[in-house]
PDB file of N, CA and C in Angstrom:
ATOM      1  N   MET A   1      -9.847-177.594  93.900  1.00  0.00           N
ATOM      2  CA  MET A   1     -10.251-177.247  92.607  1.00  0.00           C
ATOM      3  C   MET A   1     -10.550-178.554  91.834  1.00  0.00           C
ATOM      4  N   ASN A   2      -9.848-179.589  92.054  1.00  0.00           N
ATOM      5  CA  ASN A   2     -10.104-180.891  91.397  1.00  0.00           C
ATOM      6  C   ASN A   2     -11.559-181.377  91.740  1.00  0.00           C
ATOM      7  N   LEU A   3     -11.864-181.204  92.979  1.00  0.00           N
ATOM      8  CA  LEU A   3     -13.363-181.538  93.313  1.00  0.00           C
ATOM      9  C   LEU A   3     -14.295-180.758  92.554  1.00  0.00           C
ATOM     10  N   GLY A   4     -14.038-179.527  92.330  1.00  0.00           N
ATOM     11  CA  GLY A   4     -14.935-178.552  91.577  1.00  0.00           C
ATOM     12  C   GLY A   4     -14.938-179.024  90.139  1.00  0.00           C
ATOM     13  N   VAL A   5     -13.904-179.487  89.590  1.00  0.00           N
ATOM     14  CA  VAL A   5     -13.888-180.000  88.152  1.00  0.00           C
ATOM     15  C   VAL A   5     -14.624-181.187  88.057  1.00  0.00           C
ATOM     16  N   GLU A   6     -14.595-182.133  89.024  1.00  0.00           N
ATOM     17  CA  GLU A   6     -15.421-183.358  89.075  1.00  0.00           C
ATOM     18  C   GLU A   6     -16.798-183.016  89.185  1.00  0.00           C
ATOM     19  N   CYS A   7     -17.181-182.044  90.086  1.00  0.00           N
ATOM     20  CA  CYS A   7     -18.606-181.707  90.149  1.00  0.00           C
ATOM     21  C   CYS A   7     -19.165-181.074  88.904  1.00  0.00           C
ATOM     22  N   ALA A   8     -18.349-180.254  88.292  1.00  0.00           N
ATOM     23  CA  ALA A   8     -18.820-179.661  86.987  1.00  0.00           C
ATOM     24  C   ALA A   8     -19.069-180.777  85.967  1.00  0.00           C
ATOM     25  N   ALA A   9     -18.202-181.827  85.932  1.00  0.00           N
ATOM     26  CA  ALA A   9     -18.309-182.845  85.012  1.00  0.00           C
ATOM     27  C   ALA A   9     -19.697-183.575  85.262  1.00  0.00           C
ATOM     28  N   ARG A  10     -20.087-183.646  86.525  1.00  0.00           N
ATOM     29  CA  ARG A  10     -21.379-184.314  86.887  1.00  0.00           C
ATOM     30  C   ARG A  10     -22.533-183.366  86.892  1.00  0.00           C
ATOM     31  N   ARG A  11     -22.274-182.144  86.392  1.00  0.00           N
ATOM     32  CA  ARG A  11     -23.301-181.166  86.202  1.00  0.00           C
ATOM     33  C   ARG A  11     -23.829-180.593  87.506  1.00  0.00           C
ATOM     34  N   ASP A  12     -23.082-180.683  88.581  1.00  0.00           N
ATOM     35  CA  ASP A  12     -23.496-180.118  89.880  1.00  0.00           C
ATOM     36  C   ASP A  12     -22.743-178.792  89.995  1.00  0.00           C
ATOM     37  N   THR A  13     -23.317-177.779  89.357  1.00  0.00           N
ATOM     38  CA  THR A  13     -22.816-176.427  89.229  1.00  0.00           C
ATOM     39  C   THR A  13     -22.622-175.831  90.629  1.00  0.00           C
ATOM     40  N   ALA A  14     -23.625-175.981  91.538  1.00  0.00           N
ATOM     41  CA  ALA A  14     -23.465-175.309  92.836  1.00  0.00           C
ATOM     42  C   ALA A  14     -22.265-175.883  93.566  1.00  0.00           C
ATOM     43  N   ALA A  15     -22.077-177.184  93.510  1.00  0.00           N
ATOM     44  CA  ALA A  15     -20.875-177.769  94.255  1.00  0.00           C
ATOM     45  C   ALA A  15     -19.604-177.381  93.533  1.00  0.00           C
ATOM     46  N   ALA A  16     -19.596-177.321  92.232  1.00  0.00           N
ATOM     47  CA  ALA A  16     -18.421-176.925  91.509  1.00  0.00           C
ATOM     48  C   ALA A  16     -17.994-175.480  91.875  1.00  0.00           C
ATOM     49  N   ILE A  17     -18.968-174.662  91.914  1.00  0.00           N
ATOM     50  CA  ILE A  17     -18.703-173.267  92.313  1.00  0.00           C
ATOM     51  C   ILE A  17     -18.094-173.278  93.771  1.00  0.00           C
ATOM     52  N   LYS A  18     -18.752-174.014  94.629  1.00  0.00           N
ATOM     53  CA  LYS A  18     -18.261-173.977  96.053  1.00  0.00           C
ATOM     54  C   LYS A  18     -16.802-174.446  96.156  1.00  0.00           C
ATOM     55  N   TYR A  19     -16.495-175.636  95.453  1.00  0.00           N
ATOM     56  CA  TYR A  19     -15.113-176.120  95.579  1.00  0.00           C
ATOM     57  C   TYR A  19     -14.076-175.074  94.875  1.00  0.00           C
ATOM     58  N   ASN A  20     -14.434-174.574  93.818  1.00  0.00           N
ATOM     59  CA  ASN A  20     -13.502-173.680  93.133  1.00  0.00           C
ATOM     60  C   ASN A  20     -13.347-172.404  93.953  1.00  0.00           C
ATOM     61  N   GLU A  21     -14.457-171.933  94.603  1.00  0.00           N
ATOM     62  CA  GLU A  21     -14.360-170.725  95.441  1.00  0.00           C
ATOM     63  C   GLU A  21     -13.476-171.024  96.702  1.00  0.00           C
ATOM     64  N   GLU A  22     -13.546-172.252  97.220  1.00  0.00           N
ATOM     65  CA  GLU A  22     -12.587-172.617  98.336  1.00  0.00           C
ATOM     66  C   GLU A  22     -11.179-172.616  97.771  1.00  0.00           C
ATOM     67  N   ALA A  23     -10.915-173.137  96.605  1.00  0.00           N
ATOM     68  CA  ALA A  23      -9.483-173.070  96.082  1.00  0.00           C
ATOM     69  C   ALA A  23      -9.048-171.695  95.929  1.00  0.00           C
ATOM     70  N   VAL A  24      -9.863-170.736  95.491  1.00  0.00           N
ATOM     71  CA  VAL A  24      -9.432-169.372  95.412  1.00  0.00           C
ATOM     72  C   VAL A  24      -9.172-168.747  96.780  1.00  0.00           C
ATOM     73  N   ALA A  25      -9.961-169.132  97.779  1.00  0.00           N
ATOM     74  CA  ALA A  25      -9.814-168.666  99.134  1.00  0.00           C
ATOM     75  C   ALA A  25      -8.551-169.113  99.746  1.00  0.00           C
ATOM     76  N   ILE A  26      -8.110-170.307  99.399  1.00  0.00           N
ATOM     77  CA  ILE A  26      -6.876-170.852  99.933  1.00  0.00           C
ATOM     78  C   ILE A  26      -5.720-170.149  99.254  1.00  0.00           C
ATOM     79  N   ASP A  27      -5.788-170.068  97.941  1.00  0.00           N
ATOM     80  CA  ASP A  27      -4.735-169.399  97.087  1.00  0.00           C
ATOM     81  C   ASP A  27      -5.365-168.530  96.026  1.00  0.00           C
ATOM     82  N   SER A  28      -5.344-167.224  96.171  1.00  0.00           N
ATOM     83  CA  SER A  28      -5.976-166.402  95.238  1.00  0.00           C
ATOM     84  C   SER A  28      -5.315-166.351  93.816  1.00  0.00           C
ATOM     85  N   ALA A  29      -4.185-166.936  93.799  1.00  0.00           N
ATOM     86  CA  ALA A  29      -3.465-166.925  92.440  1.00  0.00           C
ATOM     87  C   ALA A  29      -3.799-168.191  91.650  1.00  0.00           C
ATOM     88  N   GLN A  30      -4.723-168.974  92.154  1.00  0.00           N
ATOM     89  CA  GLN A  30      -5.116-170.178  91.395  1.00  0.00           C
ATOM     90  C   GLN A  30      -5.764-169.891  90.110  1.00  0.00           C
ATOM     91  N   THR A  31      -4.936-169.690  89.007  1.00  0.00           N
ATOM     92  CA  THR A  31      -5.559-169.218  87.762  1.00  0.00           C
ATOM     93  C   THR A  31      -6.665-170.179  87.239  1.00  0.00           C
ATOM     94  N   MET A  32      -6.408-171.557  87.294  1.00  0.00           N
ATOM     95  CA  MET A  32      -7.453-172.352  86.796  1.00  0.00           C
ATOM     96  C   MET A  32      -8.694-172.388  87.611  1.00  0.00           C
ATOM     97  N   ALA A  33      -8.630-172.091  88.897  1.00  0.00           N
ATOM     98  CA  ALA A  33      -9.849-172.068  89.714  1.00  0.00           C
ATOM     99  C   ALA A  33     -10.635-170.816  89.228  1.00  0.00           C
ATOM    100  N   HIS A  34      -9.893-169.798  89.067  1.00  0.00           N
ATOM    101  CA  HIS A  34     -10.538-168.451  88.580  1.00  0.00           C
ATOM    102  C   HIS A  34     -11.177-168.697  87.216  1.00  0.00           C
ATOM    103  N   TYR A  35     -10.466-169.361  86.315  1.00  0.00           N
ATOM    104  CA  TYR A  35     -10.932-169.752  85.044  1.00  0.00           C
ATOM    105  C   TYR A  35     -12.228-170.515  85.120  1.00  0.00           C
ATOM    106  N   ASN A  36     -12.137-171.561  85.925  1.00  0.00           N
ATOM    107  CA  ASN A  36     -13.307-172.474  86.136  1.00  0.00           C
ATOM    108  C   ASN A  36     -14.553-171.701  86.676  1.00  0.00           C
ATOM    109  N   LEU A  37     -14.253-170.812  87.638  1.00  0.00           N
ATOM    110  CA  LEU A  37     -15.343-170.004  88.187  1.00  0.00           C
ATOM    111  C   LEU A  37     -15.963-169.000  87.151  1.00  0.00           C
ATOM    112  N   GLY A  38     -15.085-168.553  86.286  1.00  0.00           N
ATOM    113  CA  GLY A  38     -15.584-167.698  85.264  1.00  0.00           C
ATOM    114  C   GLY A  38     -16.624-168.387  84.342  1.00  0.00           C
ATOM    115  N   LEU A  39     -16.245-169.596  83.998  1.00  0.00           N
ATOM    116  CA  LEU A  39     -17.075-170.452  83.092  1.00  0.00           C
ATOM    117  C   LEU A  39     -18.326-170.833  83.815  1.00  0.00           C
ATOM    118  N   LEU A  40     -18.196-171.211  85.085  1.00  0.00           N
ATOM    119  CA  LEU A  40     -19.375-171.660  85.843  1.00  0.00           C
ATOM    120  C   LEU A  40     -20.386-170.548  86.125  1.00  0.00           C
ATOM    121  N   TYR A  41     -19.796-169.312  86.455  1.00  0.00           N
ATOM    122  CA  TYR A  41     -20.675-168.185  86.603  1.00  0.00           C
ATOM    123  C   TYR A  41     -21.334-167.737  85.342  1.00  0.00           C
ATOM    124  N   LEU A  42     -20.598-167.867  84.173  1.00  0.00           N
ATOM    125  CA  LEU A  42     -21.067-167.532  82.908  1.00  0.00           C
ATOM    126  C   LEU A  42     -22.215-168.559  82.585  1.00  0.00           C
ATOM    127  N   ALA A  43     -22.157-169.785  82.956  1.00  0.00           N
ATOM    128  CA  ALA A  43     -23.109-170.806  82.684  1.00  0.00           C
ATOM    129  C   ALA A  43     -24.508-170.459  83.443  1.00  0.00           C
ATOM    130  N   VAL A  44     -24.280-169.878  84.618  1.00  0.00           N
ATOM    131  CA  VAL A  44     -25.502-169.579  85.450  1.00  0.00           C
ATOM    132  C   VAL A  44     -25.897-168.061  85.266  1.00  0.00           C
ATOM    133  N   ARG A  45     -25.276-167.459  84.284  1.00  0.00           N
ATOM    134  CA  ARG A  45     -25.532-166.124  83.884  1.00  0.00           C
ATOM    135  C   ARG A  45     -25.305-165.042  84.981  1.00  0.00           C
ATOM    136  N   ASN A  46     -24.363-165.336  85.814  1.00  0.00           N
ATOM    137  CA  ASN A  46     -23.935-164.357  86.812  1.00  0.00           C
ATOM    138  C   ASN A  46     -22.719-163.588  86.239  1.00  0.00           C
ATOM    139  N   TYR A  47     -23.027-162.611  85.333  1.00  0.00           N
ATOM    140  CA  TYR A  47     -21.943-162.059  84.543  1.00  0.00           C
ATOM    141  C   TYR A  47     -20.941-161.233  85.330  1.00  0.00           C
ATOM    142  N   GLY A  48     -21.437-160.711  86.439  1.00  0.00           N
ATOM    143  CA  GLY A  48     -20.484-159.838  87.262  1.00  0.00           C
ATOM    144  C   GLY A  48     -19.393-160.768  87.902  1.00  0.00           C
ATOM    145  N   LEU A  49     -19.782-161.899  88.449  1.00  0.00           N
ATOM    146  CA  LEU A  49     -18.800-162.762  89.054  1.00  0.00           C
ATOM    147  C   LEU A  49     -18.084-163.454  88.003  1.00  0.00           C
ATOM    148  N   ALA A  50     -18.641-163.824  86.751  1.00  0.00           N
ATOM    149  CA  ALA A  50     -17.887-164.340  85.733  1.00  0.00           C
ATOM    150  C   ALA A  50     -16.773-163.381  85.274  1.00  0.00           C
ATOM    151  N   ASP A  51     -17.091-162.131  85.126  1.00  0.00           N
ATOM    152  CA  ASP A  51     -16.135-161.132  84.812  1.00  0.00           C
ATOM    153  C   ASP A  51     -15.004-160.942  85.836  1.00  0.00           C
ATOM    154  N   LYS A  52     -15.408-161.045  87.073  1.00  0.00           N
ATOM    155  CA  LYS A  52     -14.406-160.921  88.131  1.00  0.00           C
ATOM    156  C   LYS A  52     -13.384-162.034  88.015  1.00  0.00           C
ATOM    157  N   HIS A  53     -13.810-163.229  87.895  1.00  0.00           N
ATOM    158  CA  HIS A  53     -12.987-164.419  87.828  1.00  0.00           C
ATOM    159  C   HIS A  53     -12.083-164.639  86.580  1.00  0.00           C
ATOM    160  N   ILE A  54     -12.712-164.177  85.476  1.00  0.00           N
ATOM    161  CA  ILE A  54     -12.031-164.223  84.186  1.00  0.00           C
ATOM    162  C   ILE A  54     -10.933-163.165  84.159  1.00  0.00           C
ATOM    163  N   SER A  55     -11.328-161.984  84.675  1.00  0.00           N
ATOM    164  CA  SER A  55     -10.303-160.982  84.829  1.00  0.00           C
ATOM    165  C   SER A  55      -9.188-161.296  85.658  1.00  0.00           C
ATOM    166  N   SER A  56      -9.500-162.044  86.731  1.00  0.00           N
ATOM    167  CA  SER A  56      -8.362-162.485  87.704  1.00  0.00           C
ATOM    168  C   SER A  56      -7.541-163.535  86.926  1.00  0.00           C
ATOM    169  N   ALA A  57      -8.124-164.488  86.193  1.00  0.00           N
ATOM    170  CA  ALA A  57      -7.342-165.438  85.518  1.00  0.00           C
ATOM    171  C   ALA A  57      -6.411-164.755  84.508  1.00  0.00           C
ATOM    172  N   THR A  58      -6.902-163.768  83.800  1.00  0.00           N
ATOM    173  CA  THR A  58      -6.020-163.029  82.837  1.00  0.00           C
ATOM    174  C   THR A  58      -4.938-162.234  83.547  1.00  0.00           C
ATOM    175  N   ALA A  59      -5.260-161.619  84.631  1.00  0.00           N
ATOM    176  CA  ALA A  59      -4.325-160.800  85.405  1.00  0.00           C
ATOM    177  C   ALA A  59      -3.225-161.715  85.983  1.00  0.00           C
ATOM    178  N   TYR A  60      -3.565-162.904  86.299  1.00  0.00           N
ATOM    179  CA  TYR A  60      -2.533-163.924  86.824  1.00  0.00           C
ATOM    180  C   TYR A  60      -1.722-164.558  85.700  1.00  0.00           C
ATOM    181  N   GLY A  61      -2.020-164.220  84.456  1.00  0.00           N
ATOM    182  CA  GLY A  61      -1.133-164.633  83.331  1.00  0.00           C
ATOM    183  C   GLY A  61      -1.827-165.746  82.457  1.00  0.00           C
ATOM    184  N   LEU A  62      -2.966-166.202  82.735  1.00  0.00           N
ATOM    185  CA  LEU A  62      -3.469-167.244  81.850  1.00  0.00           C
ATOM    186  C   LEU A  62      -3.803-166.713  80.565  1.00  0.00           C
ATOM    187  N   ARG A  63      -3.310-167.423  79.518  1.00  0.00           N
ATOM    188  CA  ARG A  63      -3.493-166.900  78.149  1.00  0.00           C
ATOM    189  C   ARG A  63      -4.148-167.905  77.196  1.00  0.00           C
ATOM    190  N   ASP A  64      -5.022-168.809  77.776  1.00  0.00           N
ATOM    191  CA  ASP A  64      -5.754-169.730  76.907  1.00  0.00           C
ATOM    192  C   ASP A  64      -6.729-168.929  76.015  1.00  0.00           C
ATOM    193  N   PRO A  65      -6.703-169.312  74.697  1.00  0.00           N
ATOM    194  CA  PRO A  65      -7.625-168.531  73.784  1.00  0.00           C
ATOM    195  C   PRO A  65      -8.984-168.540  74.178  1.00  0.00           C
ATOM    196  N   SER A  66      -9.564-169.648  74.710  1.00  0.00           N
ATOM    197  CA  SER A  66     -10.971-169.697  74.973  1.00  0.00           C
ATOM    198  C   SER A  66     -11.300-168.744  76.204  1.00  0.00           C
ATOM    199  N   LEU A  67     -10.365-168.449  77.072  1.00  0.00           N
ATOM    200  CA  LEU A  67     -10.492-167.534  78.113  1.00  0.00           C
ATOM    201  C   LEU A  67     -10.870-166.133  77.528  1.00  0.00           C
ATOM    202  N   PHE A  68     -10.168-165.723  76.480  1.00  0.00           N
ATOM    203  CA  PHE A  68     -10.409-164.497  75.941  1.00  0.00           C
ATOM    204  C   PHE A  68     -11.786-164.458  75.110  1.00  0.00           C
ATOM    205  N   GLN A  69     -12.195-165.579  74.553  1.00  0.00           N
ATOM    206  CA  GLN A  69     -13.491-165.657  73.983  1.00  0.00           C
ATOM    207  C   GLN A  69     -14.587-165.472  75.048  1.00  0.00           C
ATOM    208  N   TYR A  70     -14.494-166.209  76.119  1.00  0.00           N
ATOM    209  CA  TYR A  70     -15.477-166.203  77.160  1.00  0.00           C
ATOM    210  C   TYR A  70     -15.472-164.747  77.787  1.00  0.00           C
ATOM    211  N   ALA A  71     -14.316-164.114  77.914  1.00  0.00           N
ATOM    212  CA  ALA A  71     -14.242-162.786  78.439  1.00  0.00           C
ATOM    213  C   ALA A  71     -15.003-161.894  77.518  1.00  0.00           C
ATOM    214  N   GLY A  72     -14.895-162.040  76.269  1.00  0.00           N
ATOM    215  CA  GLY A  72     -15.627-161.166  75.232  1.00  0.00           C
ATOM    216  C   GLY A  72     -17.047-161.473  75.435  1.00  0.00           C
ATOM    217  N   ASP A  73     -17.569-162.686  75.567  1.00  0.00           N
ATOM    218  CA  ASP A  73     -18.882-163.064  75.847  1.00  0.00           C
ATOM    219  C   ASP A  73     -19.479-162.395  77.045  1.00  0.00           C
ATOM    220  N   VAL A  74     -18.801-162.397  78.147  1.00  0.00           N
ATOM    221  CA  VAL A  74     -19.209-161.826  79.402  1.00  0.00           C
ATOM    222  C   VAL A  74     -19.345-160.270  79.129  1.00  0.00           C
ATOM    223  N   CYS A  75     -18.421-159.689  78.582  1.00  0.00           N
ATOM    224  CA  CYS A  75     -18.440-158.258  78.413  1.00  0.00           C
ATOM    225  C   CYS A  75     -19.594-157.817  77.450  1.00  0.00           C
ATOM    226  N   LEU A  76     -19.806-158.669  76.462  1.00  0.00           N
ATOM    227  CA  LEU A  76     -20.956-158.372  75.475  1.00  0.00           C
ATOM    228  C   LEU A  76     -22.238-158.521  76.255  1.00  0.00           C
ATOM    229  N   ASN A  77     -22.427-159.538  77.123  1.00  0.00           N
ATOM    230  CA  ASN A  77     -23.744-159.594  77.961  1.00  0.00           C
ATOM    231  C   ASN A  77     -23.840-158.439  78.942  1.00  0.00           C
ATOM    232  N   GLN A  78     -22.732-157.855  79.256  1.00  0.00           N
ATOM    233  CA  GLN A  78     -22.844-156.614  80.195  1.00  0.00           C
ATOM    234  C   GLN A  78     -22.834-155.397  79.422  1.00  0.00           C
ATOM    235  N   LYS A  79     -22.938-155.505  78.141  1.00  0.00           N
ATOM    236  CA  LYS A  79     -23.000-154.297  77.221  1.00  0.00           C
ATOM    237  C   LYS A  79     -21.743-153.477  77.461  1.00  0.00           C
ATOM    238  N   GLU A  80     -20.547-154.010  77.723  1.00  0.00           N
ATOM    239  CA  GLU A  80     -19.255-153.397  77.780  1.00  0.00           C
ATOM    240  C   GLU A  80     -18.574-153.608  76.445  1.00  0.00           C
ATOM    241  N   TYR A  81     -19.001-152.892  75.414  1.00  0.00           N
ATOM    242  CA  TYR A  81     -18.638-153.270  74.107  1.00  0.00           C
ATOM    243  C   TYR A  81     -17.108-152.984  73.754  1.00  0.00           C
ATOM    244  N   ASN A  82     -16.572-151.965  74.342  1.00  0.00           N
ATOM    245  CA  ASN A  82     -15.123-151.737  74.065  1.00  0.00           C
ATOM    246  C   ASN A  82     -14.293-152.821  74.689  1.00  0.00           C
ATOM    247  N   ARG A  83     -14.618-153.339  75.861  1.00  0.00           N
ATOM    248  CA  ARG A  83     -13.879-154.420  76.493  1.00  0.00           C
ATOM    249  C   ARG A  83     -14.181-155.725  75.709  1.00  0.00           C
ATOM    250  N   ALA A  84     -15.369-155.930  75.293  1.00  0.00           N
ATOM    251  CA  ALA A  84     -15.593-157.096  74.457  1.00  0.00           C
ATOM    252  C   ALA A  84     -14.799-157.034  73.189  1.00  0.00           C
ATOM    253  N   LEU A  85     -14.730-155.944  72.592  1.00  0.00           N
ATOM    254  CA  LEU A  85     -13.910-155.797  71.346  1.00  0.00           C
ATOM    255  C   LEU A  85     -12.429-156.087  71.600  1.00  0.00           C
ATOM    256  N   ARG A  86     -11.886-155.643  72.663  1.00  0.00           N
ATOM    257  CA  ARG A  86     -10.436-155.944  73.022  1.00  0.00           C
ATOM    258  C   ARG A  86     -10.219-157.447  73.184  1.00  0.00           C
ATOM    259  N   TYR A  87     -11.167-158.073  74.007  1.00  0.00           N
ATOM    260  CA  TYR A  87     -11.078-159.544  74.289  1.00  0.00           C
ATOM    261  C   TYR A  87     -11.105-160.332  73.016  1.00  0.00           C
ATOM    262  N   TYR A  88     -12.213-160.036  72.228  1.00  0.00           N
ATOM    263  CA  TYR A  88     -12.416-160.807  70.947  1.00  0.00           C
ATOM    264  C   TYR A  88     -11.186-160.609  70.053  1.00  0.00           C
ATOM    265  N   SER A  89     -10.656-159.414  69.991  1.00  0.00           N
ATOM    266  CA  SER A  89      -9.481-159.164  69.153  1.00  0.00           C
ATOM    267  C   SER A  89      -8.322-159.973  69.617  1.00  0.00           C
ATOM    268  N   SER A  90      -8.087-160.085  70.941  1.00  0.00           N
ATOM    269  CA  SER A  90      -7.018-160.827  71.461  1.00  0.00           C
ATOM    270  C   SER A  90      -7.216-162.317  71.152  1.00  0.00           C
ATOM    271  N   TYR A  91      -8.436-162.722  71.296  1.00  0.00           N
ATOM    272  CA  TYR A  91      -8.759-164.116  70.929  1.00  0.00           C
ATOM    273  C   TYR A  91      -8.422-164.421  69.475  1.00  0.00           C
ATOM    274  N   LEU A  92      -8.818-163.513  68.585  1.00  0.00           N
ATOM    275  CA  LEU A  92      -8.595-163.717  67.146  1.00  0.00           C
ATOM    276  C   LEU A  92      -7.133-163.676  66.766  1.00  0.00           C
ATOM    277  N   GLU A  93      -6.330-162.999  67.447  1.00  0.00           N
ATOM    278  CA  GLU A  93      -4.822-163.061  67.284  1.00  0.00           C
ATOM    279  C   GLU A  93      -4.359-164.428  67.509  1.00  0.00           C
ATOM    280  N   MET A  94      -4.975-165.199  68.407  1.00  0.00           N
ATOM    281  CA  MET A  94      -4.579-166.603  68.692  1.00  0.00           C
ATOM    282  C   MET A  94      -5.195-167.582  67.832  1.00  0.00           C
ATOM    283  N   VAL A  95      -6.474-167.282  67.442  1.00  0.00           N
ATOM    284  CA  VAL A  95      -7.326-168.203  66.636  1.00  0.00           C
ATOM    285  C   VAL A  95      -7.865-167.465  65.483  1.00  0.00           C
ATOM    286  N   PRO A  96      -7.032-167.096  64.467  1.00  0.00           N
ATOM    287  CA  PRO A  96      -7.553-166.157  63.488  1.00  0.00           C
ATOM    288  C   PRO A  96      -8.634-166.850  62.477  1.00  0.00           C
ATOM    289  N   SER A  97      -8.703-168.175  62.546  1.00  0.00           N
ATOM    290  CA  SER A  97      -9.637-168.899  61.666  1.00  0.00           C
ATOM    291  C   SER A  97     -11.131-168.882  62.171  1.00  0.00           C
ATOM    292  N   ASP A  98     -11.365-168.444  63.397  1.00  0.00           N
ATOM    293  CA  ASP A  98     -12.723-168.436  63.948  1.00  0.00           C
ATOM    294  C   ASP A  98     -13.593-167.414  63.384  1.00  0.00           C
ATOM    295  N   ASN A  99     -14.278-167.636  62.314  1.00  0.00           N
ATOM    296  CA  ASN A  99     -14.997-166.636  61.572  1.00  0.00           C
ATOM    297  C   ASN A  99     -16.335-166.262  62.429  1.00  0.00           C
ATOM    298  N   ARG A 100     -16.851-167.116  63.163  1.00  0.00           N
ATOM    299  CA  ARG A 100     -17.975-166.719  64.050  1.00  0.00           C
ATOM    300  C   ARG A 100     -17.652-165.597  65.030  1.00  0.00           C
ATOM    301  N   ILE A 101     -16.468-165.765  65.656  1.00  0.00           N
ATOM    302  CA  ILE A 101     -16.060-164.720  66.634  1.00  0.00           C
ATOM    303  C   ILE A 101     -15.656-163.408  65.755  1.00  0.00           C
ATOM    304  N   ARG A 102     -14.979-163.622  64.651  1.00  0.00           N
ATOM    305  CA  ARG A 102     -14.655-162.515  63.855  1.00  0.00           C
ATOM    306  C   ARG A 102     -15.897-161.727  63.482  1.00  0.00           C
ATOM    307  N   GLU A 103     -16.950-162.382  63.049  1.00  0.00           N
ATOM    308  CA  GLU A 103     -18.170-161.643  62.736  1.00  0.00           C
ATOM    309  C   GLU A 103     -18.742-160.882  63.880  1.00  0.00           C
ATOM    310  N   ILE A 104     -18.785-161.449  65.106  1.00  0.00           N
ATOM    311  CA  ILE A 104     -19.288-160.843  66.308  1.00  0.00           C
ATOM    312  C   ILE A 104     -18.364-159.561  66.508  1.00  0.00           C
ATOM    313  N   ARG A 105     -17.050-159.791  66.457  1.00  0.00           N
ATOM    314  CA  ARG A 105     -16.111-158.648  66.730  1.00  0.00           C
ATOM    315  C   ARG A 105     -16.286-157.551  65.744  1.00  0.00           C
ATOM    316  N   ASP A 106     -16.463-157.896  64.520  1.00  0.00           N
ATOM    317  CA  ASP A 106     -16.622-156.838  63.401  1.00  0.00           C
ATOM    318  C   ASP A 106     -18.051-156.093  63.611  1.00  0.00           C
ATOM    319  N   ARG A 107     -18.990-156.882  64.036  1.00  0.00           N
ATOM    320  CA  ARG A 107     -20.366-156.111  64.232  1.00  0.00           C
ATOM    321  C   ARG A 107     -20.158-155.109  65.415  1.00  0.00           C
ATOM    322  N   ILE A 108     -19.454-155.469  66.464  1.00  0.00           N
ATOM    323  CA  ILE A 108     -19.284-154.560  67.609  1.00  0.00           C
ATOM    324  C   ILE A 108     -18.490-153.371  67.059  1.00  0.00           C
ATOM    325  N   GLN A 109     -17.406-153.609  66.353  1.00  0.00           N
ATOM    326  CA  GLN A 109     -16.540-152.649  65.871  1.00  0.00           C
ATOM    327  C   GLN A 109     -17.321-151.624  64.948  1.00  0.00           C
ATOM    328  N   ARG A 110     -18.107-152.100  64.140  1.00  0.00           N
ATOM    329  CA  ARG A 110     -18.972-151.186  63.275  1.00  0.00           C
ATOM    330  C   ARG A 110     -19.936-150.335  64.087  1.00  0.00           C
ATOM    331  N   ALA A 111     -20.507-150.947  65.134  1.00  0.00           N
ATOM    332  CA  ALA A 111     -21.581-150.303  65.895  1.00  0.00           C
ATOM    333  C   ALA A 111     -21.042-149.266  66.877  1.00  0.00           C
ATOM    334  N   LEU A 112     -19.758-149.334  67.213  1.00  0.00           N
ATOM    335  CA  LEU A 112     -19.176-148.413  68.227  1.00  0.00           C
ATOM    336  C   LEU A 112     -19.021-146.988  67.645  1.00  0.00           C
ATOM    337  N   PRO A 113     -19.432-146.014  68.412  1.00  0.00           N
ATOM    338  CA  PRO A 113     -19.214-144.574  67.944  1.00  0.00           C
ATOM    339  C   PRO A 113     -17.725-144.357  67.663  1.00  0.00           C
ATOM    340  N   GLY A 114     -17.481-143.611  66.536  1.00  0.00           N
ATOM    341  CA  GLY A 114     -16.148-143.286  66.219  1.00  0.00           C
ATOM    342  C   GLY A 114     -15.398-144.391  65.269  1.00  0.00           C
ATOM    343  N   SER A 115     -16.077-145.494  65.099  1.00  0.00           N
ATOM    344  CA  SER A 115     -15.488-146.459  64.233  1.00  0.00           C
ATOM    345  C   SER A 115     -15.712-145.981  62.807  1.00  0.00           C
ATOM    346  N   GLN A 116     -14.841-146.351  61.879  1.00  0.00           N
ATOM    347  CA  GLN A 116     -14.905-145.872  60.513  1.00  0.00           C
ATOM    348  C   GLN A 116     -16.202-146.319  59.871  1.00  0.00           C
ATOM    349  N   ASN A 117     -16.661-147.516  60.162  1.00  0.00           N
ATOM    350  CA  ASN A 117     -17.864-148.040  59.512  1.00  0.00           C
ATOM    351  C   ASN A 117     -19.068-147.711  60.316  1.00  0.00           C
ATOM    352  N   GLY A 118     -18.967-147.327  61.513  1.00  0.00           N
ATOM    353  CA  GLY A 118     -20.132-146.983  62.389  1.00  0.00           C
ATOM    354  C   GLY A 118     -20.655-145.636  62.265  1.00  0.00           C
ATOM    355  N   GLN A 119     -19.962-144.695  61.645  1.00  0.00           N
ATOM    356  CA  GLN A 119     -20.379-143.306  61.574  1.00  0.00           C
ATOM    357  C   GLN A 119     -21.371-143.085  60.544  1.00  0.00           C
TER     358      GLN A 119
END
């Protein structure tokens, strides 16, 4: 995983993905490797794999606020608005001062069928 972080710092995304995938293959509970892979796959717009690894990181207990923001971003890109809303809301519980994410979350909430403002 450390090699993957170093490769990411050098902007070698392919190698960073390779090394983090190897870390997960060795130990599937490597929360930081899953987190790194989620970010790397988000960067290359592979939202399916980004979602898989971000979901794994949260399932293994990682609670970093940015993880929830990125999870919301992934879900938004996949048009999974209910999930995006949940992730953004969780993020805002930890970082209530982030008005940009609050605005995104509120727009999703208003647009969803059945929301008080979206009807």
